[in-house]
Amino acid sequence: MSWRSAPDQPLRPGQWWSHPVIRAVVFVVVMVAVAMTTVVFEQDGRAPDWVYLTGQLVASVLAYAVVVLLLENRRPPVEVDPSRWRGLPVGLGIGTAACLVVFAVLWAGGWRTIEGTNSHAPLLQPLFMMGVVAAISEEIIFRGILFRLVEAGLGTWGATLVSAAVFGLVHINNPQATWWGAVAIALEAGMMFGLLYALTRSLWVVIGVHAAWNVMQGPILGSAVSGATHNGDGLVVSHPAGPELISGGIFGLEASLVAVLVWTAISLWLVRSLVVQGRVVAPLWRRRLTAGPAAPRW
């Protein structure tokens, strides 16, 4: 048994402005337009990093608000309903636990060395960049927009695969990115975040997991994060050791085979939960052939 429609889809799906392509275009246009306002803060062609980070965050939030409130007519949207805020600490707990498990296995196996601590490690900007901006804006883009729009046509499984693949590909542009790192992050975080969102229909939860995972591995445990930062820059001074396939190398914990296995185990549990609870949205062509139960508002 599967849903005919998820609870995070437009309330009036027959209107032209609720078409997935229209919603995607509007989101991109609004986000780019808002982000470009950061140029007013530039001096000599450059603005402080916090300006660009804040601009990215505000742009993604405002663009999402335009799509869900105006085009989809959902007030409040179920995935960010303020009454469901408890999903945030739950997600923070999941992300923290997963990162600690991966780090502990790597350290115990000799694939991660701890050289001490650094009480002078920068925290404020990394916390804002990885724990707030990246977690919120990326989850809005990849789960709040991409996953939902693709799911309307290809169903839950198709949306999971597409959003995971795109999530992995965008990380290939990071300074220390590797192709294996991009594949690994698609297999672990890309798949798991999509499945977790499909099960909970809550951006609160996935933002919490994403934020905790980023902050724990980078600013706290000293790992590179998605090839965008360097190893050894956290409160804990640590570095990869041994084969890069296991340690993650310069890309960070996310390129570790250990991380892939841990996240894959979680993803398999999520797949089972989705099937057992009947929360899988079938592809559009199957929904047109069969009349399944309407999605509950939960």
C-alpha atoms as a PDB file:
ATOM      1  CA  MET A   1       0.000   0.000   0.000  1.00  0.00           C
ATOM      2  CA  SER A   2       1.293   3.479  -0.849  1.00  0.00           C
ATOM      3  CA  TRP A   3       0.216   7.095  -0.776  1.00  0.00           C
ATOM      4  CA  ARG A   4      -1.389   8.747  -3.756  1.00  0.00           C
ATOM      5  CA  SER A   5       0.068  12.046  -2.569  1.00  0.00           C
ATOM      6  CA  ALA A   6       2.341  13.060   0.293  1.00  0.00           C
ATOM      7  CA  PRO A   7       1.170  15.651   2.865  1.00  0.00           C
ATOM      8  CA  ASP A   8       3.782  18.146   1.651  1.00  0.00           C
ATOM      9  CA  GLN A   9       2.328  18.595  -1.842  1.00  0.00           C
ATOM     10  CA  PRO A  10       0.267  21.612  -3.066  1.00  0.00           C
ATOM     11  CA  LEU A  11      -3.269  21.898  -1.737  1.00  0.00           C
ATOM     12  CA  ARG A  12      -4.521  22.774  -5.237  1.00  0.00           C
ATOM     13  CA  PRO A  13      -2.374  20.590  -7.527  1.00  0.00           C
ATOM     14  CA  GLY A  14      -4.454  21.269 -10.633  1.00  0.00           C
ATOM     15  CA  GLN A  15      -3.415  24.922 -10.935  1.00  0.00           C
ATOM     16  CA  TRP A  16      -0.749  25.783 -13.502  1.00  0.00           C
ATOM     17  CA  TRP A  17       1.400  27.618 -10.961  1.00  0.00           C
ATOM     18  CA  SER A  18       1.642  24.465  -8.840  1.00  0.00           C
ATOM     19  CA  HIS A  19       3.349  22.518 -11.645  1.00  0.00           C
ATOM     20  CA  PRO A  20       6.762  21.228 -10.438  1.00  0.00           C
ATOM     21  CA  VAL A  21       8.643  23.031 -13.220  1.00  0.00           C
ATOM     22  CA  ILE A  22       6.987  26.367 -12.399  1.00  0.00           C
ATOM     23  CA  ARG A  23       7.749  25.949  -8.709  1.00  0.00           C
ATOM     24  CA  ALA A  24      11.372  25.066  -9.454  1.00  0.00           C
ATOM     25  CA  VAL A  25      11.852  28.084 -11.727  1.00  0.00           C
ATOM     26  CA  VAL A  26      10.256  30.476  -9.229  1.00  0.00           C
ATOM     27  CA  PHE A  27      12.428  29.104  -6.418  1.00  0.00           C
ATOM     28  CA  VAL A  28      15.644  29.572  -8.411  1.00  0.00           C
ATOM     29  CA  VAL A  29      14.712  33.056  -9.639  1.00  0.00           C
ATOM     30  CA  VAL A  30      13.768  34.323  -6.177  1.00  0.00           C
ATOM     31  CA  MET A  31      16.798  32.744  -4.531  1.00  0.00           C
ATOM     32  CA  VAL A  32      19.244  34.200  -7.066  1.00  0.00           C
ATOM     33  CA  ALA A  33      17.587  37.620  -6.930  1.00  0.00           C
ATOM     34  CA  VAL A  34      17.774  37.790  -3.134  1.00  0.00           C
ATOM     35  CA  ALA A  35      21.337  36.428  -3.021  1.00  0.00           C
ATOM     36  CA  MET A  36      22.484  39.093  -5.484  1.00  0.00           C
ATOM     37  CA  THR A  37      21.560  41.821  -3.013  1.00  0.00           C
ATOM     38  CA  THR A  38      24.812  41.036  -1.183  1.00  0.00           C
ATOM     39  CA  VAL A  39      26.636  43.122  -3.818  1.00  0.00           C
ATOM     40  CA  VAL A  40      25.554  46.283  -1.973  1.00  0.00           C
ATOM     41  CA  PHE A  41      27.926  45.279   0.842  1.00  0.00           C
ATOM     42  CA  GLU A  42      30.913  44.736  -1.441  1.00  0.00           C
ATOM     43  CA  GLN A  43      33.987  46.913  -1.250  1.00  0.00           C
ATOM     44  CA  ASP A  44      36.628  46.498  -3.936  1.00  0.00           C
ATOM     45  CA  GLY A  45      34.572  43.663  -5.366  1.00  0.00           C
ATOM     46  CA  ARG A  46      34.452  41.678  -2.131  1.00  0.00           C
ATOM     47  CA  ALA A  47      32.241  41.548   0.955  1.00  0.00           C
ATOM     48  CA  PRO A  48      32.910  39.850   4.314  1.00  0.00           C
ATOM     49  CA  ASP A  49      32.250  36.106   4.336  1.00  0.00           C
ATOM     50  CA  TRP A  50      29.401  36.493   6.821  1.00  0.00           C
ATOM     51  CA  VAL A  51      27.555  38.647   4.279  1.00  0.00           C
ATOM     52  CA  TYR A  52      27.624  35.926   1.629  1.00  0.00           C
ATOM     53  CA  LEU A  53      26.682  33.269   4.172  1.00  0.00           C
ATOM     54  CA  THR A  54      23.780  35.305   5.502  1.00  0.00           C
ATOM     55  CA  GLY A  55      22.692  36.098   1.963  1.00  0.00           C
ATOM     56  CA  GLN A  56      22.641  32.405   1.048  1.00  0.00           C
ATOM     57  CA  LEU A  57      20.589  31.573   4.130  1.00  0.00           C
ATOM     58  CA  VAL A  58      18.063  34.386   3.686  1.00  0.00           C
ATOM     59  CA  ALA A  59      17.743  33.711  -0.048  1.00  0.00           C
ATOM     60  CA  SER A  60      16.930  30.024   0.403  1.00  0.00           C
ATOM     61  CA  VAL A  61      14.420  30.672   3.200  1.00  0.00           C
ATOM     62  CA  LEU A  62      12.598  33.456   1.334  1.00  0.00           C
ATOM     63  CA  ALA A  63      12.508  31.509  -1.936  1.00  0.00           C
ATOM     64  CA  TYR A  64      11.070  28.495  -0.124  1.00  0.00           C
ATOM     65  CA  ALA A  65       8.473  30.679   1.579  1.00  0.00           C
ATOM     66  CA  VAL A  66       7.328  32.038  -1.788  1.00  0.00           C
ATOM     67  CA  VAL A  67       6.928  28.522  -3.184  1.00  0.00           C
ATOM     68  CA  VAL A  68       5.133  26.867  -0.267  1.00  0.00           C
ATOM     69  CA  LEU A  69       3.022  29.797   0.925  1.00  0.00           C
ATOM     70  CA  LEU A  70       2.048  31.419  -2.374  1.00  0.00           C
ATOM     71  CA  LEU A  71       2.288  28.768  -5.091  1.00  0.00           C
ATOM     72  CA  GLU A  72       1.346  25.741  -2.987  1.00  0.00           C
ATOM     73  CA  ASN A  73      -1.000  27.569  -0.613  1.00  0.00           C
ATOM     74  CA  ARG A  74       0.182  25.565   2.419  1.00  0.00           C
ATOM     75  CA  ARG A  75      -0.012  27.461   5.716  1.00  0.00           C
ATOM     76  CA  PRO A  76       1.813  26.241   7.636  1.00  0.00           C
ATOM     77  CA  PRO A  77       3.750  23.781   5.457  1.00  0.00           C
ATOM     78  CA  VAL A  78       3.822  20.458   7.278  1.00  0.00           C
ATOM     79  CA  GLU A  79       7.588  19.997   6.874  1.00  0.00           C
ATOM     80  CA  VAL A  80       8.405  23.202   8.797  1.00  0.00           C
ATOM     81  CA  ASP A  81       5.313  23.452  10.984  1.00  0.00           C
ATOM     82  CA  PRO A  82       6.464  25.255  14.168  1.00  0.00           C
ATOM     83  CA  SER A  83       4.534  22.730  16.271  1.00  0.00           C
ATOM     84  CA  ARG A  84       6.928  20.016  15.047  1.00  0.00           C
ATOM     85  CA  TRP A  85      10.098  21.786  16.262  1.00  0.00           C
ATOM     86  CA  ARG A  86      10.964  18.829  18.511  1.00  0.00           C
ATOM     87  CA  GLY A  87      12.247  17.103  15.409  1.00  0.00           C
ATOM     88  CA  LEU A  88      15.254  19.443  15.538  1.00  0.00           C
ATOM     89  CA  PRO A  89      16.787  18.102  18.788  1.00  0.00           C
ATOM     90  CA  VAL A  90      15.975  14.565  17.642  1.00  0.00           C
ATOM     91  CA  GLY A  91      17.913  15.198  14.446  1.00  0.00           C
ATOM     92  CA  LEU A  92      20.784  16.790  16.357  1.00  0.00           C
ATOM     93  CA  GLY A  93      21.002  13.669  18.493  1.00  0.00           C
ATOM     94  CA  ILE A  94      21.010  11.337  15.483  1.00  0.00           C
ATOM     95  CA  GLY A  95      23.689  13.333  13.680  1.00  0.00           C
ATOM     96  CA  THR A  96      25.890  13.562  16.766  1.00  0.00           C
ATOM     97  CA  ALA A  97      25.611   9.849  17.525  1.00  0.00           C
ATOM     98  CA  ALA A  98      26.325   8.810  13.926  1.00  0.00           C
ATOM     99  CA  CYS A  99      29.422  11.011  13.727  1.00  0.00           C
ATOM    100  CA  LEU A 100      30.772   9.774  17.066  1.00  0.00           C
ATOM    101  CA  VAL A 101      30.282   6.140  16.005  1.00  0.00           C
ATOM    102  CA  VAL A 102      32.138   6.678  12.718  1.00  0.00           C
ATOM    103  CA  PHE A 103      34.960   8.606  14.406  1.00  0.00           C
ATOM    104  CA  ALA A 104      35.301   6.028  17.192  1.00  0.00           C
ATOM    105  CA  VAL A 105      35.539   3.119  14.739  1.00  0.00           C
ATOM    106  CA  LEU A 106      38.171   4.935  12.670  1.00  0.00           C
ATOM    107  CA  TRP A 107      40.199   5.855  15.768  1.00  0.00           C
ATOM    108  CA  ALA A 108      39.969   2.346  17.238  1.00  0.00           C
ATOM    109  CA  GLY A 109      41.028   0.824  13.923  1.00  0.00           C
ATOM    110  CA  GLY A 110      44.031   3.115  13.581  1.00  0.00           C
ATOM    111  CA  TRP A 111      42.549   4.999  10.607  1.00  0.00           C
ATOM    112  CA  ARG A 112      42.280   8.271  12.538  1.00  0.00           C
ATOM    113  CA  THR A 113      44.937   9.750  14.795  1.00  0.00           C
ATOM    114  CA  ILE A 114      44.310  12.204  17.633  1.00  0.00           C
ATOM    115  CA  GLU A 115      47.241  14.526  18.245  1.00  0.00           C
ATOM    116  CA  GLY A 116      45.757  16.663  21.005  1.00  0.00           C
ATOM    117  CA  THR A 117      43.350  19.543  21.387  1.00  0.00           C
ATOM    118  CA  ASN A 118      43.294  23.140  20.225  1.00  0.00           C
ATOM    119  CA  SER A 119      41.429  25.514  22.510  1.00  0.00           C
ATOM    120  CA  HIS A 120      42.081  28.351  20.049  1.00  0.00           C
ATOM    121  CA  ALA A 121      40.356  26.660  17.125  1.00  0.00           C
ATOM    122  CA  PRO A 122      37.943  29.034  15.354  1.00  0.00           C
ATOM    123  CA  LEU A 123      34.358  28.145  16.187  1.00  0.00           C
ATOM    124  CA  LEU A 124      31.933  30.989  15.495  1.00  0.00           C
ATOM    125  CA  GLN A 125      32.204  31.177  11.701  1.00  0.00           C
ATOM    126  CA  PRO A 126      32.481  27.384  11.163  1.00  0.00           C
ATOM    127  CA  LEU A 127      29.443  26.827  13.392  1.00  0.00           C
ATOM    128  CA  PHE A 128      27.460  29.420  11.465  1.00  0.00           C
ATOM    129  CA  MET A 129      28.662  28.197   8.064  1.00  0.00           C
ATOM    130  CA  MET A 130      28.263  24.443   8.627  1.00  0.00           C
ATOM    131  CA  GLY A 131      25.686  24.184  11.376  1.00  0.00           C
ATOM    132  CA  VAL A 132      23.299  26.923  10.276  1.00  0.00           C
ATOM    133  CA  VAL A 133      23.785  28.060   6.680  1.00  0.00           C
ATOM    134  CA  ALA A 134      24.771  24.758   5.066  1.00  0.00           C
ATOM    135  CA  ALA A 135      22.305  22.650   7.033  1.00  0.00           C
ATOM    136  CA  ILE A 136      19.289  24.906   6.494  1.00  0.00           C
ATOM    137  CA  SER A 137      19.914  26.077   2.929  1.00  0.00           C
ATOM    138  CA  GLU A 138      21.002  22.672   1.601  1.00  0.00           C
ATOM    139  CA  GLU A 139      18.064  20.854   3.174  1.00  0.00           C
ATOM    140  CA  ILE A 140      15.649  23.426   1.778  1.00  0.00           C
ATOM    141  CA  ILE A 141      17.163  23.064  -1.693  1.00  0.00           C
ATOM    142  CA  PHE A 142      17.682  19.300  -1.833  1.00  0.00           C
ATOM    143  CA  ARG A 143      14.855  17.938   0.303  1.00  0.00           C
ATOM    144  CA  GLY A 144      12.389  20.819   0.553  1.00  0.00           C
ATOM    145  CA  ILE A 145      12.453  21.590  -3.170  1.00  0.00           C
ATOM    146  CA  LEU A 146      14.272  18.981  -5.288  1.00  0.00           C
ATOM    147  CA  PHE A 147      13.044  15.881  -3.450  1.00  0.00           C
ATOM    148  CA  ARG A 148       9.431  17.029  -3.257  1.00  0.00           C
ATOM    149  CA  LEU A 149       9.223  18.157  -6.879  1.00  0.00           C
ATOM    150  CA  VAL A 150      10.801  14.989  -8.238  1.00  0.00           C
ATOM    151  CA  GLU A 151       8.657  12.816  -5.965  1.00  0.00           C
ATOM    152  CA  ALA A 152       5.515  14.272  -7.569  1.00  0.00           C
ATOM    153  CA  GLY A 153       6.561  12.573 -10.815  1.00  0.00           C
ATOM    154  CA  LEU A 154       8.960   9.733 -10.036  1.00  0.00           C
ATOM    155  CA  GLY A 155       7.705   8.754  -6.596  1.00  0.00           C
ATOM    156  CA  THR A 156       9.639   8.348  -3.356  1.00  0.00           C
ATOM    157  CA  TRP A 157      12.314   5.977  -4.636  1.00  0.00           C
ATOM    158  CA  GLY A 158      12.988   8.050  -7.743  1.00  0.00           C
ATOM    159  CA  ALA A 159      13.173  11.255  -5.719  1.00  0.00           C
ATOM    160  CA  THR A 160      15.595   9.649  -3.275  1.00  0.00           C
ATOM    161  CA  LEU A 161      17.951   8.553  -6.051  1.00  0.00           C
ATOM    162  CA  VAL A 162      17.817  11.836  -7.978  1.00  0.00           C
ATOM    163  CA  SER A 163      18.256  14.095  -4.939  1.00  0.00           C
ATOM    164  CA  ALA A 164      21.109  11.925  -3.629  1.00  0.00           C
ATOM    165  CA  ALA A 165      22.918  11.984  -6.983  1.00  0.00           C
ATOM    166  CA  VAL A 166      22.628  15.764  -7.324  1.00  0.00           C
ATOM    167  CA  PHE A 167      23.645  16.222  -3.676  1.00  0.00           C
ATOM    168  CA  GLY A 168      26.815  14.241  -4.337  1.00  0.00           C
ATOM    169  CA  LEU A 169      27.621  16.033  -7.591  1.00  0.00           C
ATOM    170  CA  VAL A 170      27.464  19.548  -6.144  1.00  0.00           C
ATOM    171  CA  HIS A 171      30.149  18.619  -3.621  1.00  0.00           C
ATOM    172  CA  ILE A 172      32.636  17.780  -6.385  1.00  0.00           C
ATOM    173  CA  ASN A 173      33.377  21.508  -6.699  1.00  0.00           C
ATOM    174  CA  ASN A 174      34.756  21.765  -3.162  1.00  0.00           C
ATOM    175  CA  PRO A 175      38.490  22.593  -2.942  1.00  0.00           C
ATOM    176  CA  GLN A 176      39.610  19.140  -1.723  1.00  0.00           C
ATOM    177  CA  ALA A 177      36.857  17.109  -3.359  1.00  0.00           C
ATOM    178  CA  THR A 178      37.405  13.706  -4.928  1.00  0.00           C
ATOM    179  CA  TRP A 179      35.108  11.684  -7.154  1.00  0.00           C
ATOM    180  CA  TRP A 180      34.962   8.941  -4.542  1.00  0.00           C
ATOM    181  CA  GLY A 181      34.066  11.544  -1.931  1.00  0.00           C
ATOM    182  CA  ALA A 182      31.191  12.788  -4.092  1.00  0.00           C
ATOM    183  CA  VAL A 183      29.959   9.226  -4.645  1.00  0.00           C
ATOM    184  CA  ALA A 184      30.281   8.433  -0.940  1.00  0.00           C
ATOM    185  CA  ILE A 185      28.356  11.510   0.191  1.00  0.00           C
ATOM    186  CA  ALA A 186      25.610  10.659  -2.303  1.00  0.00           C
ATOM    187  CA  LEU A 187      25.393   7.084  -1.004  1.00  0.00           C
ATOM    188  CA  GLU A 188      25.372   8.027   2.659  1.00  0.00           C
ATOM    189  CA  ALA A 189      24.065  11.516   3.417  1.00  0.00           C
ATOM    190  CA  GLY A 190      22.229  11.977   0.124  1.00  0.00           C
ATOM    191  CA  MET A 191      20.302   8.726   0.426  1.00  0.00           C
ATOM    192  CA  MET A 192      19.767   8.865   4.184  1.00  0.00           C
ATOM    193  CA  PHE A 193      18.576  12.486   4.267  1.00  0.00           C
ATOM    194  CA  GLY A 194      16.104  11.801   1.467  1.00  0.00           C
ATOM    195  CA  LEU A 195      14.726   8.674   3.111  1.00  0.00           C
ATOM    196  CA  LEU A 196      14.541  10.331   6.525  1.00  0.00           C
ATOM    197  CA  TYR A 197      12.616  13.221   5.035  1.00  0.00           C
ATOM    198  CA  ALA A 198      10.288  10.820   3.199  1.00  0.00           C
ATOM    199  CA  LEU A 199       9.507   9.018   6.456  1.00  0.00           C
ATOM    200  CA  THR A 200       9.053  12.058   8.692  1.00  0.00           C
ATOM    201  CA  ARG A 201       8.057  14.795   6.214  1.00  0.00           C
ATOM    202  CA  SER A 202       9.985  17.092   8.525  1.00  0.00           C
ATOM    203  CA  LEU A 203      12.763  19.478   7.566  1.00  0.00           C
ATOM    204  CA  TRP A 204      13.305  20.015  11.287  1.00  0.00           C
ATOM    205  CA  VAL A 205      14.689  16.493  11.629  1.00  0.00           C
ATOM    206  CA  VAL A 206      16.934  16.449   8.561  1.00  0.00           C
ATOM    207  CA  ILE A 207      18.286  19.923   9.295  1.00  0.00           C
ATOM    208  CA  GLY A 208      19.167  18.721  12.791  1.00  0.00           C
ATOM    209  CA  VAL A 209      20.986  15.634  11.503  1.00  0.00           C
ATOM    210  CA  HIS A 210      22.813  17.646   8.846  1.00  0.00           C
ATOM    211  CA  ALA A 211      23.862  20.383  11.280  1.00  0.00           C
ATOM    212  CA  ALA A 212      25.114  18.003  13.967  1.00  0.00           C
ATOM    213  CA  TRP A 213      26.999  15.841  11.476  1.00  0.00           C
ATOM    214  CA  ASN A 214      28.791  18.868   9.983  1.00  0.00           C
ATOM    215  CA  VAL A 215      29.631  20.512  13.300  1.00  0.00           C
ATOM    216  CA  MET A 216      30.776  17.341  15.022  1.00  0.00           C
ATOM    217  CA  GLN A 217      33.109  16.188  12.270  1.00  0.00           C
ATOM    218  CA  GLY A 218      34.622  19.608  11.496  1.00  0.00           C
ATOM    219  CA  PRO A 219      34.730  22.226  14.287  1.00  0.00           C
ATOM    220  CA  ILE A 220      34.619  19.602  17.069  1.00  0.00           C
ATOM    221  CA  LEU A 221      36.458  16.452  15.908  1.00  0.00           C
ATOM    222  CA  GLY A 222      38.834  18.127  13.462  1.00  0.00           C
ATOM    223  CA  SER A 223      37.918  16.333  10.257  1.00  0.00           C
ATOM    224  CA  ALA A 224      37.663  17.947   6.862  1.00  0.00           C
ATOM    225  CA  VAL A 225      34.005  18.462   5.929  1.00  0.00           C
ATOM    226  CA  SER A 226      32.982  17.386   2.436  1.00  0.00           C
ATOM    227  CA  GLY A 227      36.368  18.401   1.047  1.00  0.00           C
ATOM    228  CA  ALA A 228      35.582  22.045   1.856  1.00  0.00           C
ATOM    229  CA  THR A 229      37.758  22.422   4.967  1.00  0.00           C
ATOM    230  CA  HIS A 230      41.012  20.929   6.246  1.00  0.00           C
ATOM    231  CA  ASN A 231      41.776  18.100   8.659  1.00  0.00           C
ATOM    232  CA  GLY A 232      43.092  19.164  12.066  1.00  0.00           C
ATOM    233  CA  ASP A 233      41.187  22.453  12.321  1.00  0.00           C
ATOM    234  CA  GLY A 234      38.821  21.499  15.161  1.00  0.00           C
ATOM    235  CA  LEU A 235      38.864  21.482  18.939  1.00  0.00           C
ATOM    236  CA  VAL A 236      40.240  17.960  18.592  1.00  0.00           C
ATOM    237  CA  VAL A 237      43.345  17.895  16.389  1.00  0.00           C
ATOM    238  CA  SER A 238      42.933  14.742  14.317  1.00  0.00           C
ATOM    239  CA  HIS A 239      44.147  13.459  10.959  1.00  0.00           C
ATOM    240  CA  PRO A 240      43.354  10.504   8.695  1.00  0.00           C
ATOM    241  CA  ALA A 241      45.722   7.532   8.661  1.00  0.00           C
ATOM    242  CA  GLY A 242      46.031   4.479   6.466  1.00  0.00           C
ATOM    243  CA  PRO A 243      44.129   3.802   3.220  1.00  0.00           C
ATOM    244  CA  GLU A 244      42.046   6.783   2.090  1.00  0.00           C
ATOM    245  CA  LEU A 245      39.168   4.487   1.183  1.00  0.00           C
ATOM    246  CA  ILE A 246      38.779   3.704   4.875  1.00  0.00           C
ATOM    247  CA  SER A 247      40.003   6.922   6.503  1.00  0.00           C
ATOM    248  CA  GLY A 248      38.328   9.348   4.115  1.00  0.00           C
ATOM    249  CA  GLY A 249      41.573  11.173   3.393  1.00  0.00           C
ATOM    250  CA  ILE A 250      41.490  14.870   2.547  1.00  0.00           C
ATOM    251  CA  PHE A 251      37.737  14.790   1.833  1.00  0.00           C
ATOM    252  CA  GLY A 252      36.931  13.957   5.457  1.00  0.00           C
ATOM    253  CA  LEU A 253      34.899  11.352   7.307  1.00  0.00           C
ATOM    254  CA  GLU A 254      32.221  11.338   4.609  1.00  0.00           C
ATOM    255  CA  ALA A 255      34.615   9.662   2.165  1.00  0.00           C
ATOM    256  CA  SER A 256      35.304   6.874   4.651  1.00  0.00           C
ATOM    257  CA  LEU A 257      33.976   3.415   3.880  1.00  0.00           C
ATOM    258  CA  VAL A 258      33.048   3.204   7.562  1.00  0.00           C
ATOM    259  CA  ALA A 259      30.751   6.226   7.199  1.00  0.00           C
ATOM    260  CA  VAL A 260      29.197   4.755   4.061  1.00  0.00           C
ATOM    261  CA  LEU A 261      28.417   1.509   5.897  1.00  0.00           C
ATOM    262  CA  VAL A 262      26.996   3.266   8.971  1.00  0.00           C
ATOM    263  CA  TRP A 263      24.735   5.559   6.942  1.00  0.00           C
ATOM    264  CA  THR A 264      23.713   2.713   4.627  1.00  0.00           C
ATOM    265  CA  ALA A 265      22.595   0.668   7.628  1.00  0.00           C
ATOM    266  CA  ILE A 266      20.424   3.594   8.747  1.00  0.00           C
ATOM    267  CA  SER A 267      19.085   4.000   5.206  1.00  0.00           C
ATOM    268  CA  LEU A 268      18.070   0.339   5.014  1.00  0.00           C
ATOM    269  CA  TRP A 269      16.126   0.702   8.257  1.00  0.00           C
ATOM    270  CA  LEU A 270      14.410   3.785   6.838  1.00  0.00           C
ATOM    271  CA  VAL A 271      13.483   1.915   3.651  1.00  0.00           C
ATOM    272  CA  ARG A 272      11.907  -0.843   5.708  1.00  0.00           C
ATOM    273  CA  SER A 273      10.026   1.676   7.852  1.00  0.00           C
ATOM    274  CA  LEU A 274       8.677   3.473   4.785  1.00  0.00           C
ATOM    275  CA  VAL A 275       7.374   0.243   3.292  1.00  0.00           C
ATOM    276  CA  VAL A 276       5.920  -1.133   6.531  1.00  0.00           C
ATOM    277  CA  GLN A 277       4.176   2.160   7.361  1.00  0.00           C
ATOM    278  CA  GLY A 278       2.858   2.608   3.825  1.00  0.00           C
ATOM    279  CA  ARG A 279       4.475   6.019   3.349  1.00  0.00           C
ATOM    280  CA  VAL A 280       5.908   5.407  -0.112  1.00  0.00           C
ATOM    281  CA  VAL A 281       4.585   7.634  -2.903  1.00  0.00           C
ATOM    282  CA  ALA A 282       4.277   5.686  -6.153  1.00  0.00           C
ATOM    283  CA  PRO A 283       5.400   7.221  -9.479  1.00  0.00           C
ATOM    284  CA  LEU A 284       2.825   9.387 -11.247  1.00  0.00           C
ATOM    285  CA  TRP A 285       2.055   6.809 -13.917  1.00  0.00           C
ATOM    286  CA  ARG A 286       1.245   4.190 -11.302  1.00  0.00           C
ATOM    287  CA  ARG A 287      -0.901   6.584  -9.304  1.00  0.00           C
ATOM    288  CA  ARG A 288      -2.947   7.250 -12.430  1.00  0.00           C
ATOM    289  CA  LEU A 289      -3.612   3.540 -12.832  1.00  0.00           C
ATOM    290  CA  THR A 290      -4.446   2.728  -9.245  1.00  0.00           C
ATOM    291  CA  ALA A 291      -6.440   4.535  -6.592  1.00  0.00           C
ATOM    292  CA  GLY A 292      -4.567   4.276  -3.304  1.00  0.00           C
ATOM    293  CA  PRO A 293      -5.528   5.811   0.038  1.00  0.00           C
ATOM    294  CA  ALA A 294      -5.196   9.545   0.483  1.00  0.00           C
ATOM    295  CA  ALA A 295      -2.185  10.656   2.467  1.00  0.00           C
ATOM    296  CA  PRO A 296      -2.964  11.348   6.124  1.00  0.00           C
ATOM    297  CA  ARG A 297      -2.236  14.821   7.539  1.00  0.00           C
ATOM    298  CA  TRP A 298       0.238  13.890  10.214  1.00  0.00           C
END
